[in-house]
Amino acid sequence: MTVTNISAGTPAGSALIVLGCPEVPVQQALALHLSHVLRKQGFAVHATGNPAVLNLLKVSDPEKRYLPEMIVLEKCIEELVGKKRDSDLCVVFAHSDAGISYAATMRHLLPSSRLVVIIFGKDPETLVVSVDFPCEKIVEKAVHNPLQLKKKINEVFGWVA
């Protein structure tokens, strides 16, 4: 993926944010943060997840300023398989085995995209060992306080001030 110069007015590409079950509160806040910064850089940002997490985001962003497009995960996967959707960047939030499975699926469906897996929750170290596919990993114990994980995300994406 090549990110172009935003100041020159050229788009940076598309980004897909994959969200897991909304059981861990930091996920929604960090998804909105991630989308906000990516959109400022010129990315067309899309989010996918189960209906529960998407409904939480719709309540948090009723005017769709941060996440203008949200799609149910099954429909997104269907579109990726059918080559009706693609993405230059895919960021997967994973706090359970299901999240790691989503990340592996995205690696398979988007083989040439940059894949960043954010592994978080109460015990992220037990999850990270199950990542056996190429990706960038951000690992942090985070449940209620998103600040340390936000800092790591900002570092990986080069947004450190």
Protein backbone atom coordinates (compact mmCIF):
# COMPACT_ATOMS: atom_id res chain seq x y z
CA MET A 1 0.00 0.00 0.00
CA THR A 2 1.29 3.43 -0.91
CA VAL A 3 -0.08 6.36 1.00
CA THR A 4 -0.06 9.46 -1.16
CA ASN A 5 0.46 13.04 -0.12
CA ILE A 6 -2.75 14.35 1.42
CA SER A 7 -1.66 17.97 1.07
CA ALA A 8 -1.49 17.41 -2.69
CA GLY A 9 -5.17 16.42 -2.60
CA THR A 10 -4.73 12.83 -3.68
CA PRO A 11 -6.48 10.05 -1.74
CA ALA A 12 -4.57 7.73 0.54
CA GLY A 13 -6.74 4.71 -0.29
CA SER A 14 -9.36 2.73 1.55
CA ALA A 15 -9.27 1.41 5.08
CA LEU A 16 -11.40 -1.32 6.61
CA ILE A 17 -11.83 -1.47 10.38
CA VAL A 18 -12.98 -4.89 11.60
CA LEU A 19 -14.55 -4.94 15.05
CA GLY A 20 -15.28 -7.85 17.33
CA CYS A 21 -17.92 -8.27 19.98
CA PRO A 22 -18.38 -4.99 21.91
CA GLU A 23 -17.67 -6.68 25.24
CA VAL A 24 -14.50 -4.63 25.84
CA PRO A 25 -15.29 -0.89 26.08
CA VAL A 26 -12.02 0.48 24.65
CA GLN A 27 -12.78 -0.94 21.20
CA GLN A 28 -15.46 1.57 20.21
CA ALA A 29 -13.51 4.61 21.38
CA LEU A 30 -10.37 3.47 19.57
CA ALA A 31 -12.28 2.62 16.40
CA LEU A 32 -13.66 6.18 16.31
CA HIS A 33 -10.17 7.60 16.99
CA LEU A 34 -8.62 5.45 14.28
CA SER A 35 -11.28 6.37 11.76
CA HIS A 36 -10.96 10.07 12.59
CA VAL A 37 -7.21 10.17 11.98
CA LEU A 38 -7.33 7.94 8.89
CA ARG A 39 -10.05 10.12 7.35
CA LYS A 40 -7.97 13.24 8.06
CA GLN A 41 -5.18 11.53 6.09
CA GLY A 42 -7.52 11.00 3.15
CA PHE A 43 -8.55 7.40 3.61
CA ALA A 44 -12.05 6.27 2.74
CA VAL A 45 -12.87 4.43 5.98
CA HIS A 46 -15.36 1.58 6.33
CA ALA A 47 -16.21 -0.38 9.47
CA THR A 48 -17.54 -3.89 9.80
CA GLY A 49 -18.63 -6.01 12.72
CA ASN A 50 -21.64 -7.68 14.26
CA PRO A 51 -24.90 -5.72 14.59
CA ALA A 52 -24.33 -5.02 18.31
CA VAL A 53 -20.99 -3.24 17.81
CA LEU A 54 -22.30 -1.38 14.77
CA ASN A 55 -25.32 -0.17 16.74
CA LEU A 56 -23.05 1.15 19.49
CA LEU A 57 -21.06 3.05 16.87
CA LYS A 58 -24.23 4.41 15.25
CA VAL A 59 -25.34 5.76 18.63
CA SER A 60 -21.87 7.25 19.25
CA ASP A 61 -21.62 8.77 15.75
CA PRO A 62 -25.21 9.55 14.70
CA GLU A 63 -24.21 11.95 11.91
CA LYS A 64 -21.63 9.47 10.57
CA ARG A 65 -18.81 12.00 10.82
CA TYR A 66 -16.22 9.41 11.83
CA LEU A 67 -17.61 6.23 10.31
CA PRO A 68 -19.65 7.11 7.24
CA GLU A 69 -20.03 3.49 6.14
CA MET A 70 -20.74 0.56 8.41
CA ILE A 71 -21.54 -2.92 7.15
CA VAL A 72 -22.42 -6.17 8.90
CA LEU A 73 -19.43 -8.53 8.93
CA GLU A 74 -21.05 -11.38 7.00
CA LYS A 75 -22.05 -9.00 4.18
CA CYS A 76 -18.55 -7.49 4.13
CA ILE A 77 -16.94 -10.92 3.85
CA GLU A 78 -19.37 -11.82 1.07
CA GLU A 79 -18.37 -8.66 -0.82
CA LEU A 80 -14.66 -9.34 -0.30
CA VAL A 81 -15.03 -12.91 -1.56
CA GLY A 82 -17.00 -11.66 -4.59
CA LYS A 83 -14.36 -8.98 -5.28
CA LYS A 84 -17.00 -6.25 -4.85
CA ARG A 85 -14.97 -4.71 -2.02
CA ASP A 86 -11.26 -4.22 -1.48
CA SER A 87 -9.09 -2.33 0.97
CA ASP A 88 -5.54 -0.98 1.04
CA LEU A 89 -5.42 -1.11 4.84
CA CYS A 90 -7.26 -3.46 7.18
CA VAL A 91 -7.23 -2.99 10.95
CA VAL A 92 -8.73 -5.78 13.05
CA PHE A 93 -9.60 -5.34 16.73
CA ALA A 94 -9.19 -8.70 18.51
CA HIS A 95 -9.88 -9.42 22.16
CA SER A 96 -10.92 -13.06 21.69
CA ASP A 97 -10.25 -16.10 19.52
CA ALA A 98 -13.03 -14.91 17.20
CA GLY A 99 -11.15 -11.66 16.60
CA ILE A 100 -8.02 -13.60 15.64
CA SER A 101 -10.14 -15.69 13.27
CA TYR A 102 -11.50 -12.49 11.68
CA ALA A 103 -7.93 -11.27 11.24
CA ALA A 104 -6.87 -14.55 9.59
CA THR A 105 -9.88 -14.30 7.29
CA MET A 106 -8.96 -10.75 6.32
CA ARG A 107 -5.36 -11.80 5.64
CA HIS A 108 -6.68 -14.48 3.27
CA LEU A 109 -9.21 -12.20 1.54
CA LEU A 110 -6.89 -9.16 1.35
CA PRO A 111 -3.48 -10.74 0.70
CA SER A 112 -1.77 -7.60 -0.58
CA SER A 113 -3.26 -5.17 1.95
CA ARG A 114 -1.50 -3.85 5.02
CA LEU A 115 -2.99 -5.79 7.93
CA VAL A 116 -2.72 -4.44 11.47
CA VAL A 117 -4.16 -6.57 14.27
CA ILE A 118 -4.85 -4.78 17.55
CA ILE A 119 -4.84 -7.42 20.28
CA PHE A 120 -6.24 -6.16 23.56
CA GLY A 121 -8.41 -7.10 26.53
CA LYS A 122 -7.67 -8.65 29.89
CA ASP A 123 -5.08 -11.15 28.66
CA PRO A 124 -3.84 -10.26 25.17
CA GLU A 125 -0.60 -12.25 25.53
CA THR A 126 -2.48 -15.55 25.33
CA LEU A 127 -4.10 -14.44 22.05
CA VAL A 128 -0.98 -13.16 20.34
CA VAL A 129 0.55 -16.64 20.19
CA SER A 130 -2.30 -17.81 17.94
CA VAL A 131 -1.46 -15.24 15.25
CA ASP A 132 0.38 -17.40 12.72
CA PHE A 133 -0.11 -15.28 9.61
CA PRO A 134 1.75 -12.19 8.37
CA CYS A 135 0.55 -8.95 9.95
CA GLU A 136 1.59 -6.09 12.16
CA LYS A 137 0.57 -6.58 15.79
CA ILE A 138 -0.25 -4.06 18.46
CA VAL A 139 -0.61 -5.77 21.83
CA GLU A 140 -1.76 -4.09 25.02
CA LYS A 141 -3.73 -5.05 28.10
CA ALA A 142 -6.66 -2.66 27.79
CA VAL A 143 -10.27 -3.00 28.89
CA HIS A 144 -11.61 0.33 30.18
CA ASN A 145 -8.76 2.79 29.66
CA PRO A 146 -7.86 3.30 25.98
CA LEU A 147 -4.94 5.72 26.46
CA GLN A 148 -1.96 3.33 26.44
CA LEU A 149 -3.37 1.39 23.49
CA LYS A 150 -4.11 4.66 21.66
CA LYS A 151 -0.48 5.64 22.18
CA LYS A 152 0.72 2.36 20.65
CA ILE A 153 -1.68 2.71 17.71
CA ASN A 154 -0.43 6.25 17.09
CA GLU A 155 3.18 5.02 17.15
CA VAL A 156 2.55 2.19 14.66
CA PHE A 157 0.81 4.53 12.25
CA GLY A 158 3.37 7.32 12.70
CA TRP A 159 0.98 9.74 14.39
CA VAL A 160 3.27 10.49 17.32
CA ALA A 161 3.42 14.21 17.98
